[in-house]
Amino acid sequence: MKWIKNITIIFCIVGLAGCSSSNNGSEGMHKVDWYKAHPKVAAKEVKWCNNNAPRKALAACQNAYAAVNAIETKNFFKEPKGGIKVVGTAAAPAP
C-alpha cells in the first residue's frame, strides 16, 4: 500500500512539472499594454528573447516584441521637441 502512495506522489510531482510557466519570459507573462507602460522591462525581455531562437515563439516574447514595436513607432512619428522649424526663405512665385 505504501508503494502505491509513493508512486502516486511521484506522478503528481512529474505531472506538475509539466505545468511550469514555460510560456513566460524572463520577466514573467505580461500583456502588450503592460509592456508599453514599462518600456525598460520590455526592452530587457526582447533582449532575453533574442538570445535563443526557440524563445522567440513564446507568448511573452511576442507580446514584448509587439510593445517595443508600438513604442518605437510612436516615438518615430511624434512631433520633434521645439516644434517644426522652417529654415530659409519662401520660394519665389512662379511667373
N, C-alpha and C. Protein backbone atom coordinates (compact mmCIF):
# COMPACT_ATOMS: atom_id res chain seq x y z
N MET A 1 0.82 -1.19 0.00
CA MET A 1 0.00 0.00 0.00
C MET A 1 0.86 1.26 0.00
N LYS A 2 1.98 1.20 0.71
CA LYS A 2 2.84 2.36 0.80
C LYS A 2 3.47 2.67 -0.57
N TRP A 3 3.80 1.65 -1.35
CA TRP A 3 4.41 1.87 -2.66
C TRP A 3 3.43 2.55 -3.62
N ILE A 4 2.13 2.30 -3.46
CA ILE A 4 1.12 2.96 -4.30
C ILE A 4 1.10 4.46 -3.97
N LYS A 5 1.21 4.76 -2.69
CA LYS A 5 1.24 6.16 -2.27
C LYS A 5 2.49 6.85 -2.84
N ASN A 6 3.63 6.20 -2.78
CA ASN A 6 4.87 6.77 -3.30
C ASN A 6 4.80 6.98 -4.81
N ILE A 7 4.26 6.02 -5.53
CA ILE A 7 4.12 6.14 -6.99
C ILE A 7 3.16 7.28 -7.33
N THR A 8 2.08 7.40 -6.56
CA THR A 8 1.13 8.48 -6.78
C THR A 8 1.79 9.84 -6.57
N ILE A 9 2.60 9.96 -5.55
CA ILE A 9 3.30 11.22 -5.27
C ILE A 9 4.27 11.54 -6.41
N ILE A 10 4.98 10.53 -6.89
CA ILE A 10 5.93 10.75 -7.98
C ILE A 10 5.20 11.23 -9.23
N PHE A 11 4.08 10.59 -9.56
CA PHE A 11 3.31 11.00 -10.74
C PHE A 11 2.78 12.43 -10.59
N CYS A 12 2.37 12.79 -9.40
CA CYS A 12 1.88 14.16 -9.16
C CYS A 12 3.00 15.17 -9.36
N ILE A 13 4.17 14.88 -8.84
CA ILE A 13 5.30 15.80 -8.98
C ILE A 13 5.69 15.94 -10.45
N VAL A 14 5.78 14.82 -11.15
CA VAL A 14 6.14 14.86 -12.56
C VAL A 14 5.05 15.57 -13.36
N GLY A 15 3.80 15.32 -13.02
CA GLY A 15 2.69 15.97 -13.72
C GLY A 15 2.68 17.47 -13.50
N LEU A 16 2.96 17.91 -12.29
CA LEU A 16 3.00 19.34 -12.01
C LEU A 16 4.21 20.02 -12.63
N ALA A 17 5.27 19.28 -12.85
CA ALA A 17 6.44 19.86 -13.50
C ALA A 17 6.08 20.27 -14.92
N GLY A 18 5.16 19.57 -15.54
CA GLY A 18 4.71 19.92 -16.88
C GLY A 18 3.86 21.18 -16.89
N CYS A 19 3.39 21.62 -15.75
CA CYS A 19 2.57 22.83 -15.66
C CYS A 19 3.41 24.07 -15.37
N SER A 20 4.71 23.95 -15.53
CA SER A 20 5.55 25.12 -15.25
C SER A 20 5.27 26.22 -16.25
N SER A 21 5.73 27.39 -15.94
CA SER A 21 5.45 28.55 -16.77
C SER A 21 6.43 28.61 -17.94
N SER A 22 6.35 27.64 -18.83
CA SER A 22 7.26 27.59 -19.96
C SER A 22 6.95 28.66 -20.99
N ASN A 23 5.78 29.27 -20.91
CA ASN A 23 5.41 30.30 -21.87
C ASN A 23 5.78 31.69 -21.37
N ASN A 24 6.33 31.75 -20.17
CA ASN A 24 6.71 33.03 -19.59
C ASN A 24 8.12 33.39 -19.99
N GLY A 25 8.36 34.66 -20.11
CA GLY A 25 9.71 35.12 -20.40
C GLY A 25 10.48 35.35 -19.12
N SER A 26 11.59 36.03 -19.24
CA SER A 26 12.42 36.29 -18.06
C SER A 26 11.73 37.20 -17.06
N GLU A 27 10.83 38.04 -17.56
CA GLU A 27 10.12 38.99 -16.70
C GLU A 27 8.71 38.52 -16.36
N GLY A 28 8.36 37.31 -16.70
CA GLY A 28 7.02 36.81 -16.46
C GLY A 28 6.13 37.05 -17.66
N MET A 29 4.91 36.61 -17.57
CA MET A 29 3.97 36.74 -18.68
C MET A 29 3.15 38.01 -18.51
N HIS A 30 3.31 38.94 -19.43
CA HIS A 30 2.57 40.20 -19.38
C HIS A 30 1.91 40.46 -20.73
N LYS A 31 0.87 41.27 -20.71
CA LYS A 31 0.18 41.66 -21.94
C LYS A 31 0.93 42.81 -22.61
N VAL A 32 0.59 43.06 -23.87
CA VAL A 32 1.25 44.12 -24.65
C VAL A 32 1.10 45.47 -23.96
N ASP A 33 -0.08 45.78 -23.47
CA ASP A 33 -0.31 47.08 -22.82
C ASP A 33 0.59 47.26 -21.59
N TRP A 34 0.83 46.18 -20.86
CA TRP A 34 1.70 46.27 -19.70
C TRP A 34 3.12 46.59 -20.14
N TYR A 35 3.60 45.91 -21.18
CA TYR A 35 4.94 46.19 -21.68
C TYR A 35 5.05 47.62 -22.22
N LYS A 36 3.98 48.14 -22.83
CA LYS A 36 4.00 49.52 -23.32
C LYS A 36 4.19 50.50 -22.15
N ALA A 37 3.59 50.19 -21.02
CA ALA A 37 3.70 51.05 -19.84
C ALA A 37 5.05 50.87 -19.13
N HIS A 38 5.79 49.81 -19.47
CA HIS A 38 7.08 49.52 -18.85
C HIS A 38 8.12 49.26 -19.94
N PRO A 39 8.53 50.30 -20.67
CA PRO A 39 9.42 50.10 -21.82
C PRO A 39 10.79 49.52 -21.49
N LYS A 40 11.31 49.82 -20.31
CA LYS A 40 12.63 49.27 -19.94
C LYS A 40 12.54 47.76 -19.75
N VAL A 41 11.47 47.31 -19.13
CA VAL A 41 11.27 45.86 -18.94
C VAL A 41 11.03 45.19 -20.29
N ALA A 42 10.28 45.85 -21.17
CA ALA A 42 10.02 45.30 -22.50
C ALA A 42 11.32 45.13 -23.27
N ALA A 43 12.20 46.12 -23.19
CA ALA A 43 13.49 46.03 -23.89
C ALA A 43 14.34 44.90 -23.31
N LYS A 44 14.30 44.74 -22.00
CA LYS A 44 15.04 43.65 -21.35
C LYS A 44 14.49 42.29 -21.79
N GLU A 45 13.18 42.20 -21.89
CA GLU A 45 12.53 40.96 -22.31
C GLU A 45 12.91 40.61 -23.76
N VAL A 46 12.91 41.63 -24.64
CA VAL A 46 13.28 41.40 -26.04
C VAL A 46 14.72 40.92 -26.13
N LYS A 47 15.60 41.51 -25.34
CA LYS A 47 17.00 41.07 -25.33
C LYS A 47 17.09 39.61 -24.90
N TRP A 48 16.34 39.22 -23.88
CA TRP A 48 16.34 37.84 -23.41
C TRP A 48 15.80 36.92 -24.50
N CYS A 49 14.75 37.34 -25.19
CA CYS A 49 14.15 36.52 -26.23
C CYS A 49 15.10 36.33 -27.41
N ASN A 50 15.86 37.36 -27.74
CA ASN A 50 16.76 37.29 -28.88
C ASN A 50 17.99 36.44 -28.62
N ASN A 51 18.26 36.08 -27.37
CA ASN A 51 19.42 35.27 -27.05
C ASN A 51 19.25 33.80 -27.43
N ASN A 52 18.04 33.38 -27.74
CA ASN A 52 17.79 31.97 -28.02
C ASN A 52 16.63 31.88 -29.00
N ALA A 53 16.86 31.31 -30.17
CA ALA A 53 15.84 31.27 -31.23
C ALA A 53 14.51 30.65 -30.80
N PRO A 54 14.48 29.53 -30.06
CA PRO A 54 13.18 28.98 -29.67
C PRO A 54 12.37 29.88 -28.76
N ARG A 55 13.03 30.77 -28.03
CA ARG A 55 12.31 31.67 -27.13
C ARG A 55 11.44 32.66 -27.91
N LYS A 56 11.84 32.98 -29.13
CA LYS A 56 11.12 33.99 -29.92
C LYS A 56 9.66 33.62 -30.14
N ALA A 57 9.33 32.34 -30.06
CA ALA A 57 7.96 31.88 -30.28
C ALA A 57 7.11 31.95 -29.02
N LEU A 58 7.72 32.20 -27.87
CA LEU A 58 6.96 32.27 -26.62
C LEU A 58 5.99 33.44 -26.65
N ALA A 59 4.85 33.26 -26.03
CA ALA A 59 3.83 34.31 -25.99
C ALA A 59 4.36 35.58 -25.32
N ALA A 60 5.15 35.42 -24.28
CA ALA A 60 5.72 36.59 -23.59
C ALA A 60 6.63 37.37 -24.53
N CYS A 61 7.41 36.67 -25.35
CA CYS A 61 8.30 37.34 -26.30
C CYS A 61 7.49 38.04 -27.38
N GLN A 62 6.46 37.40 -27.87
CA GLN A 62 5.62 38.02 -28.89
C GLN A 62 4.98 39.30 -28.36
N ASN A 63 4.53 39.28 -27.12
CA ASN A 63 3.94 40.47 -26.50
C ASN A 63 4.99 41.58 -26.34
N ALA A 64 6.18 41.21 -25.93
CA ALA A 64 7.25 42.20 -25.76
C ALA A 64 7.64 42.80 -27.10
N TYR A 65 7.75 41.96 -28.15
CA TYR A 65 8.07 42.46 -29.48
C TYR A 65 7.01 43.46 -29.96
N ALA A 66 5.74 43.11 -29.77
CA ALA A 66 4.65 43.99 -30.21
C ALA A 66 4.69 45.32 -29.47
N ALA A 67 4.98 45.27 -28.17
CA ALA A 67 5.02 46.50 -27.38
C ALA A 67 6.19 47.39 -27.79
N VAL A 68 7.37 46.80 -27.96
CA VAL A 68 8.54 47.58 -28.36
C VAL A 68 8.31 48.18 -29.74
N ASN A 69 7.71 47.42 -30.64
CA ASN A 69 7.41 47.93 -31.98
C ASN A 69 6.45 49.13 -31.89
N ALA A 70 5.42 49.03 -31.05
CA ALA A 70 4.46 50.12 -30.89
C ALA A 70 5.13 51.35 -30.28
N ILE A 71 6.00 51.15 -29.30
CA ILE A 71 6.71 52.26 -28.66
C ILE A 71 7.62 52.96 -29.67
N GLU A 72 8.37 52.17 -30.45
CA GLU A 72 9.28 52.76 -31.44
C GLU A 72 8.51 53.49 -32.53
N THR A 73 7.38 52.95 -32.95
CA THR A 73 6.56 53.61 -33.96
C THR A 73 6.02 54.93 -33.44
N LYS A 74 5.54 54.94 -32.22
CA LYS A 74 5.02 56.17 -31.60
C LYS A 74 6.12 57.22 -31.49
N ASN A 75 7.31 56.80 -31.07
CA ASN A 75 8.42 57.74 -30.93
C ASN A 75 8.88 58.28 -32.28
N PHE A 76 8.80 57.47 -33.32
CA PHE A 76 9.23 57.90 -34.65
C PHE A 76 8.31 58.98 -35.21
N PHE A 77 7.00 58.83 -34.97
CA PHE A 77 6.04 59.75 -35.56
C PHE A 77 5.64 60.92 -34.68
N LYS A 78 6.18 61.01 -33.48
CA LYS A 78 5.79 62.14 -32.62
C LYS A 78 6.47 63.42 -33.10
N GLU A 79 5.90 64.54 -32.70
CA GLU A 79 6.42 65.84 -33.11
C GLU A 79 7.76 66.08 -32.43
N PRO A 80 8.74 66.60 -33.17
CA PRO A 80 10.05 66.86 -32.57
C PRO A 80 9.96 67.89 -31.45
N LYS A 81 10.89 67.83 -30.52
CA LYS A 81 10.94 68.81 -29.43
C LYS A 81 11.19 70.18 -30.02
N GLY A 82 10.45 71.16 -29.55
CA GLY A 82 10.61 72.52 -30.05
C GLY A 82 9.77 72.79 -31.28
N GLY A 83 8.99 71.83 -31.70
CA GLY A 83 8.14 72.02 -32.87
C GLY A 83 8.90 71.89 -34.17
N ILE A 84 8.22 72.14 -35.27
CA ILE A 84 8.81 72.06 -36.59
C ILE A 84 9.26 73.46 -36.99
N LYS A 85 10.51 73.60 -37.40
CA LYS A 85 11.04 74.90 -37.79
C LYS A 85 11.32 74.90 -39.29
N VAL A 86 10.91 75.98 -39.94
CA VAL A 86 11.17 76.14 -41.36
C VAL A 86 12.42 77.00 -41.49
N VAL A 87 13.39 76.51 -42.24
CA VAL A 87 14.65 77.21 -42.39
C VAL A 87 14.74 77.74 -43.82
N GLY A 88 15.21 78.96 -43.99
CA GLY A 88 15.38 79.52 -45.34
C GLY A 88 14.26 80.48 -45.67
N THR A 89 14.22 80.91 -46.91
CA THR A 89 13.21 81.85 -47.35
C THR A 89 12.15 81.12 -48.16
N ALA A 90 11.04 81.81 -48.33
CA ALA A 90 9.97 81.23 -49.14
C ALA A 90 10.40 81.15 -50.59
N ALA A 91 9.88 80.20 -51.30
CA ALA A 91 10.22 80.05 -52.72
C ALA A 91 9.67 81.22 -53.52
N ALA A 92 10.35 81.57 -54.59
CA ALA A 92 9.89 82.66 -55.46
C ALA A 92 8.62 82.23 -56.18
N PRO A 93 7.69 83.15 -56.35
CA PRO A 93 6.46 82.79 -57.03
C PRO A 93 6.73 82.43 -58.50
N ALA A 94 5.92 81.56 -59.01
CA ALA A 94 6.07 81.14 -60.40
C ALA A 94 5.61 82.28 -61.32
N PRO A 95 6.30 82.48 -62.47
CA PRO A 95 5.91 83.59 -63.35
C PRO A 95 4.58 83.39 -64.02
